[in-house]
Amino acid sequence: MQLSLGSLLFFWDRERVYNFYRDMIEQPVDIIYLGESVCSKRRELKTAEWIELGQELAQSGKEPGKAAGKQIVLSSLALIEAESELKTLRRLCDNGELMIEANDIGAVQLMAERKLPFVAGTSINIYNARTLKNLYDNGMRRWVMPVELSGKALADILTDAQSMGIGDELETEVFSYGLMPLAYSARCFTARARNLPKDRCQYVCLEYPDGLPMSSQEDQEVFTINGIQTLSGQTYNLLPELDEMKRIGVDIVRLSPQGEEMASVIKQFRDQLDGNSNQIPIIPQDAVNGYWYDDAGLVNTHQS
């Protein structure tokens, strides 16, 4: 199985973004997703700069679209609300070099019209093999399983996909580490928490580089607010499930960027894949994996 680094979900300042990817390009991941997938108001890097960064990384390798053996993919917004955002989406789709991760059905349509291969992100609702076949026929060559699906559901879908003749041609990627992207809204929750309107948000997301935790009345962190996006309150971790994922037929293990110890997280997953797991775990003790076992998302089955 390969390791991928998903697109950055949080809003970081320009210098931090560039420093992060200078570090990540040296890490043992196979695929790096770049771009703004949450909010179009986050413009520390403009669209042209994301494309330029992707092309710069890609040109450092020997193969087109690959950086030092890594594939570079541009991620689109998950919620398109304005013509300006459609214009940005068209620029991404017409970059001429890098594959696109479609996080909105509009991106799927644009890529299908251009007859270009694409990745279907977690926000494209794919729950059965018929949907896989339909999207495959329109150019999808990789899909990221919705985070709320279980391992058993995935195994059933992939079995059905094999019977439809697309199982060997389609890559399956599973979100395996990080705060899970659960939902999107036209409203900005971070701005609302600061009593600011969305159109005059003052870019307060910059003040929460790991999102804004939201606790229940029982003081349990159930969600993390990230602008218009709702993330899980706990880190999702499928490190112990890697062998099962391989057996099912998962091709790519996705790690979601975080502010601290990302290189250590990557190393732990890489070592596990390579059969070298003799190290002190750095995965959070309160990490969860309930969805994989068809349970509540905030459950950790290894502690129950």
Protein backbone atom coordinates (compact mmCIF):
# COMPACT_ATOMS: atom_id res chain seq x y z
CA MET A 1 0.00 0.00 0.00
CA GLN A 2 1.02 3.58 -0.61
CA LEU A 3 0.92 6.52 1.79
CA SER A 4 -0.72 9.81 0.85
CA LEU A 5 -0.79 13.19 2.53
CA GLY A 6 -4.23 14.75 2.14
CA SER A 7 -4.80 18.43 1.43
CA LEU A 8 -4.28 20.89 4.29
CA LEU A 9 -7.68 21.43 5.92
CA PHE A 10 -6.64 24.26 8.26
CA PHE A 11 -5.83 27.90 7.53
CA TRP A 12 -2.14 28.59 8.02
CA ASP A 13 -0.12 31.65 7.10
CA ARG A 14 1.82 31.64 3.87
CA GLU A 15 5.27 31.02 5.36
CA ARG A 16 4.07 28.10 7.43
CA VAL A 17 2.44 26.46 4.40
CA TYR A 18 5.63 26.66 2.33
CA ASN A 19 7.78 25.44 5.22
CA PHE A 20 5.39 22.55 5.78
CA TYR A 21 5.59 21.31 2.20
CA ARG A 22 9.36 21.80 2.04
CA ASP A 23 9.46 19.33 4.91
CA MET A 24 6.80 17.00 3.55
CA ILE A 25 8.46 16.58 0.17
CA GLU A 26 11.32 14.89 2.01
CA GLN A 27 9.04 12.50 3.91
CA PRO A 28 8.33 8.89 2.85
CA VAL A 29 4.87 9.52 1.38
CA ASP A 30 3.93 8.54 -2.15
CA ILE A 31 1.22 11.10 -2.93
CA ILE A 32 0.82 14.73 -1.83
CA TYR A 33 -2.46 16.62 -2.24
CA LEU A 34 -2.22 20.41 -2.46
CA GLY A 35 -4.77 23.21 -2.45
CA GLU A 36 -7.64 24.83 -0.62
CA SER A 37 -10.54 22.43 -0.16
CA VAL A 38 -12.48 24.20 2.62
CA CYS A 39 -13.02 27.95 2.10
CA SER A 40 -12.33 30.23 -0.87
CA LYS A 41 -11.70 33.18 1.48
CA ARG A 42 -8.48 31.53 2.61
CA ARG A 43 -6.11 33.26 0.22
CA GLU A 44 -2.71 33.15 1.88
CA LEU A 45 -1.84 31.24 -1.28
CA LYS A 46 -3.79 32.17 -4.39
CA THR A 47 -4.94 29.58 -6.89
CA ALA A 48 -2.05 30.33 -9.25
CA GLU A 49 0.40 29.89 -6.39
CA TRP A 50 -1.04 26.50 -5.42
CA ILE A 51 -0.70 25.40 -9.05
CA GLU A 52 2.81 26.83 -9.25
CA LEU A 53 3.80 25.05 -6.02
CA GLY A 54 2.41 21.77 -7.35
CA GLN A 55 4.20 22.13 -10.66
CA GLU A 56 7.44 23.07 -8.93
CA LEU A 57 7.25 19.98 -6.74
CA ALA A 58 6.27 17.81 -9.70
CA GLN A 59 9.17 19.03 -11.83
CA SER A 60 11.65 17.94 -9.20
CA GLY A 61 11.04 14.32 -10.21
CA LYS A 62 11.98 12.34 -13.31
CA GLU A 63 8.41 11.49 -14.29
CA PRO A 64 5.77 14.08 -15.31
CA GLY A 65 3.46 14.91 -12.41
CA LYS A 66 5.75 13.32 -9.84
CA ALA A 67 8.13 14.84 -7.30
CA ALA A 68 11.07 12.70 -6.26
CA GLY A 69 8.89 9.65 -6.87
CA LYS A 70 5.78 11.33 -5.43
CA GLN A 71 2.56 12.10 -7.25
CA ILE A 72 1.25 15.65 -6.79
CA VAL A 73 -2.53 16.17 -6.90
CA LEU A 74 -4.48 19.46 -6.75
CA SER A 75 -7.57 19.44 -4.50
CA SER A 76 -10.72 21.42 -5.28
CA LEU A 77 -13.20 23.08 -2.94
CA ALA A 78 -15.79 20.84 -1.32
CA LEU A 79 -18.55 23.44 -1.50
CA ILE A 80 -18.99 25.66 -4.57
CA GLU A 81 -21.21 28.69 -3.88
CA ALA A 82 -20.25 31.43 -6.32
CA GLU A 83 -19.23 32.04 -9.93
CA SER A 84 -15.80 33.18 -8.71
CA GLU A 85 -15.32 29.75 -7.15
CA LEU A 86 -16.33 28.08 -10.42
CA LYS A 87 -13.73 30.21 -12.19
CA THR A 88 -11.11 28.99 -9.73
CA LEU A 89 -12.25 25.41 -10.27
CA ARG A 90 -11.88 25.77 -14.04
CA ARG A 91 -8.32 27.05 -13.57
CA LEU A 92 -7.49 23.99 -11.50
CA CYS A 93 -9.03 21.61 -14.04
CA ASP A 94 -7.16 23.32 -16.87
CA ASN A 95 -3.74 23.31 -15.19
CA GLY A 96 -2.53 20.97 -17.92
CA GLU A 97 -0.24 18.80 -15.83
CA LEU A 98 -1.48 17.67 -12.42
CA MET A 99 -4.34 15.34 -11.53
CA ILE A 100 -7.32 16.86 -9.71
CA GLU A 101 -9.03 15.64 -6.56
CA ALA A 102 -12.70 16.49 -7.13
CA ASN A 103 -14.39 17.38 -3.85
CA ASP A 104 -17.57 18.72 -5.43
CA ILE A 105 -19.75 17.17 -8.13
CA GLY A 106 -19.13 20.29 -10.24
CA ALA A 107 -15.46 19.33 -10.39
CA VAL A 108 -16.48 15.82 -11.46
CA GLN A 109 -18.52 17.30 -14.31
CA LEU A 110 -15.71 19.59 -15.49
CA MET A 111 -13.17 16.76 -15.49
CA ALA A 112 -15.59 14.45 -17.30
CA GLU A 113 -16.20 17.11 -19.95
CA ARG A 114 -12.45 17.40 -20.45
CA LYS A 115 -12.08 13.60 -20.51
CA LEU A 116 -9.37 13.81 -17.88
CA PRO A 117 -8.73 11.32 -15.05
CA PHE A 118 -9.49 12.49 -11.52
CA VAL A 119 -9.67 11.47 -7.88
CA ALA A 120 -13.02 11.53 -6.04
CA GLY A 121 -12.47 12.98 -2.55
CA THR A 122 -14.18 12.11 0.72
CA SER A 123 -16.94 14.69 0.18
CA ILE A 124 -18.17 12.88 -2.96
CA ASN A 125 -20.78 10.51 -1.55
CA ILE A 126 -19.90 7.05 -2.85
CA TYR A 127 -21.72 4.26 -1.03
CA ASN A 128 -21.97 1.46 -3.58
CA ALA A 129 -20.24 -0.09 -6.58
CA ARG A 130 -22.83 1.24 -9.05
CA THR A 131 -21.79 4.78 -8.16
CA LEU A 132 -18.15 3.74 -8.53
CA LYS A 133 -18.89 2.34 -11.99
CA ASN A 134 -20.72 5.50 -13.05
CA LEU A 135 -17.88 7.75 -11.92
CA TYR A 136 -15.27 5.39 -13.37
CA ASP A 137 -16.99 5.62 -16.75
CA ASN A 138 -16.66 9.41 -16.44
CA GLY A 139 -12.95 9.40 -15.71
CA MET A 140 -12.51 8.66 -12.01
CA ARG A 141 -9.41 6.54 -11.43
CA ARG A 142 -9.15 6.79 -7.63
CA TRP A 143 -11.72 7.26 -4.89
CA VAL A 144 -11.42 8.12 -1.22
CA MET A 145 -13.92 6.18 0.88
CA PRO A 146 -16.34 8.37 2.89
CA VAL A 147 -15.03 8.43 6.45
CA GLU A 148 -18.24 7.11 8.00
CA LEU A 149 -18.18 3.80 6.09
CA SER A 150 -17.01 0.64 7.83
CA GLY A 151 -14.34 -1.80 6.74
CA LYS A 152 -17.00 -4.40 6.05
CA ALA A 153 -18.98 -1.99 3.86
CA LEU A 154 -15.79 -1.21 1.94
CA ALA A 155 -15.05 -4.91 1.43
CA ASP A 156 -18.57 -5.45 0.05
CA ILE A 157 -18.27 -2.47 -2.31
CA LEU A 158 -14.91 -3.66 -3.64
CA THR A 159 -16.25 -7.19 -4.15
CA ASP A 160 -19.15 -5.77 -6.18
CA ALA A 161 -16.73 -3.55 -8.11
CA GLN A 162 -14.72 -6.62 -9.07
CA SER A 163 -17.86 -8.28 -10.42
CA MET A 164 -18.47 -5.17 -12.54
CA GLY A 165 -15.00 -5.41 -14.02
CA ILE A 166 -13.52 -2.24 -12.55
CA GLY A 167 -11.85 -3.54 -9.39
CA ASP A 168 -8.39 -3.89 -10.91
CA GLU A 169 -8.52 -0.55 -12.69
CA LEU A 170 -9.59 1.62 -9.78
CA GLU A 171 -7.48 2.74 -6.80
CA THR A 172 -9.07 2.82 -3.36
CA GLU A 173 -7.85 5.31 -0.77
CA VAL A 174 -8.90 5.33 2.89
CA PHE A 175 -8.73 8.28 5.29
CA SER A 176 -6.65 6.70 8.04
CA TYR A 177 -5.29 9.42 10.31
CA GLY A 178 -6.37 12.88 11.41
CA LEU A 179 -9.47 14.83 12.36
CA MET A 180 -12.24 13.45 10.18
CA PRO A 181 -14.03 15.83 7.77
CA LEU A 182 -17.68 15.25 8.69
CA ALA A 183 -19.78 18.05 7.21
CA TYR A 184 -19.80 21.40 5.40
CA SER A 185 -22.14 24.37 5.69
CA ALA A 186 -22.77 27.64 3.89
CA ARG A 187 -22.25 29.29 7.30
CA CYS A 188 -18.86 29.90 8.88
CA PHE A 189 -18.93 28.47 12.38
CA THR A 190 -15.59 29.96 13.39
CA ALA A 191 -16.73 33.47 12.48
CA ARG A 192 -20.02 32.89 14.31
CA ALA A 193 -18.14 31.81 17.43
CA ARG A 194 -16.46 35.24 17.37
CA ASN A 195 -19.75 37.08 16.65
CA LEU A 196 -18.60 38.00 13.16
CA PRO A 197 -20.53 37.73 9.89
CA LYS A 198 -19.11 35.34 7.32
CA ASP A 199 -18.47 38.11 4.76
CA ARG A 200 -16.44 40.06 7.33
CA CYS A 201 -14.83 37.18 9.17
CA GLN A 202 -11.47 38.97 9.58
CA TYR A 203 -9.87 35.61 8.72
CA VAL A 204 -10.12 34.47 12.32
CA CYS A 205 -9.41 30.88 11.22
CA LEU A 206 -5.74 31.91 11.23
CA GLU A 207 -6.00 32.10 15.01
CA TYR A 208 -7.01 28.44 15.19
CA PRO A 209 -4.33 26.52 13.22
CA ASP A 210 -5.69 23.21 14.52
CA GLY A 211 -9.36 24.19 14.46
CA LEU A 212 -11.62 25.31 17.31
CA PRO A 213 -12.61 22.48 19.70
CA MET A 214 -16.29 22.22 20.58
CA SER A 215 -17.22 20.37 23.76
CA SER A 216 -20.47 18.84 24.94
CA GLN A 217 -22.12 19.70 28.26
CA GLU A 218 -20.21 16.73 29.66
CA ASP A 219 -16.93 18.43 28.62
CA GLN A 220 -16.24 15.88 25.89
CA GLU A 221 -14.66 17.28 22.72
CA VAL A 222 -17.13 15.96 20.17
CA PHE A 223 -16.33 18.21 17.20
CA THR A 224 -13.70 20.60 15.89
CA ILE A 225 -14.89 23.73 14.09
CA ASN A 226 -12.85 24.70 11.04
CA GLY A 227 -14.58 27.57 9.25
CA ILE A 228 -17.48 26.13 7.26
CA GLN A 229 -16.24 22.62 7.99
CA THR A 230 -17.05 20.37 10.93
CA LEU A 231 -14.32 17.92 11.90
CA SER A 232 -14.28 15.19 14.50
CA GLY A 233 -13.22 16.08 18.02
CA GLN A 234 -10.74 13.21 18.25
CA THR A 235 -8.09 11.96 15.88
CA TYR A 236 -9.11 9.06 13.66
CA ASN A 237 -6.44 6.37 13.61
CA LEU A 238 -6.42 3.19 11.55
CA LEU A 239 -2.77 2.29 12.13
CA PRO A 240 -3.71 -1.05 13.80
CA GLU A 241 -6.03 -1.84 10.88
CA LEU A 242 -3.42 -1.62 8.10
CA ASP A 243 -3.17 -5.40 7.66
CA GLU A 244 -6.93 -5.72 7.32
CA MET A 245 -7.01 -2.83 4.86
CA LYS A 246 -4.40 -4.57 2.74
CA ARG A 247 -6.41 -7.79 2.79
CA ILE A 248 -9.57 -5.97 1.68
CA GLY A 249 -7.77 -4.39 -1.24
CA VAL A 250 -7.03 -0.82 -0.11
CA ASP A 251 -4.33 0.76 -2.28
CA ILE A 252 -3.61 4.03 -0.49
CA VAL A 253 -3.58 5.08 3.17
CA ARG A 254 -4.37 8.79 3.65
CA LEU A 255 -2.90 10.86 6.46
CA SER A 256 -4.41 14.30 7.08
CA PRO A 257 -1.96 17.16 7.80
CA GLN A 258 -1.70 18.42 11.36
CA GLY A 259 0.38 21.11 12.97
CA GLU A 260 2.66 19.03 15.14
CA GLU A 261 4.65 15.80 14.72
CA MET A 262 3.44 15.12 11.18
CA ALA A 263 6.81 13.67 10.19
CA SER A 264 6.65 11.32 13.20
CA VAL A 265 3.14 10.19 12.25
CA ILE A 266 4.27 9.48 8.69
CA LYS A 267 7.25 7.51 9.94
CA GLN A 268 5.08 5.38 12.21
CA PHE A 269 2.70 4.49 9.37
CA ARG A 270 5.57 3.86 6.97
CA ASP A 271 7.36 1.63 9.46
CA GLN A 272 4.16 -0.33 10.06
CA LEU A 273 3.69 -0.84 6.32
CA ASP A 274 7.32 -1.91 6.00
CA GLY A 275 7.03 -4.38 8.90
CA ASN A 276 9.11 -2.32 11.30
CA SER A 277 6.87 -1.21 14.16
CA ASN A 278 9.33 -1.40 17.07
CA GLN A 279 8.99 2.18 18.23
CA ILE A 280 7.24 4.24 20.88
CA PRO A 281 3.75 5.14 19.60
CA ILE A 282 3.10 8.84 19.08
CA ILE A 283 -0.54 8.38 18.05
CA PRO A 284 -2.85 10.15 20.57
CA GLN A 285 -4.15 7.84 23.27
CA ASP A 286 -7.70 9.18 22.76
CA ALA A 287 -7.64 8.40 19.02
CA VAL A 288 -10.81 6.73 17.68
CA ASN A 289 -11.68 4.13 15.05
CA GLY A 290 -15.39 3.44 15.60
CA TYR A 291 -16.57 4.07 12.05
CA TRP A 292 -14.28 1.36 10.69
CA TYR A 293 -16.08 -1.15 12.92
CA ASP A 294 -19.57 0.15 12.10
CA ASP A 295 -19.80 1.79 15.52
CA ALA A 296 -20.14 5.37 16.73
CA GLY A 297 -17.35 7.47 15.29
CA LEU A 298 -15.98 8.56 18.67
CA VAL A 299 -15.46 4.98 19.90
CA ASN A 300 -12.01 3.46 20.28
CA THR A 301 -12.55 -0.27 19.87
CA HIS A 302 -9.03 -1.06 21.11
CA GLN A 303 -9.89 0.37 24.53
CA SER A 304 -13.42 -1.02 24.83
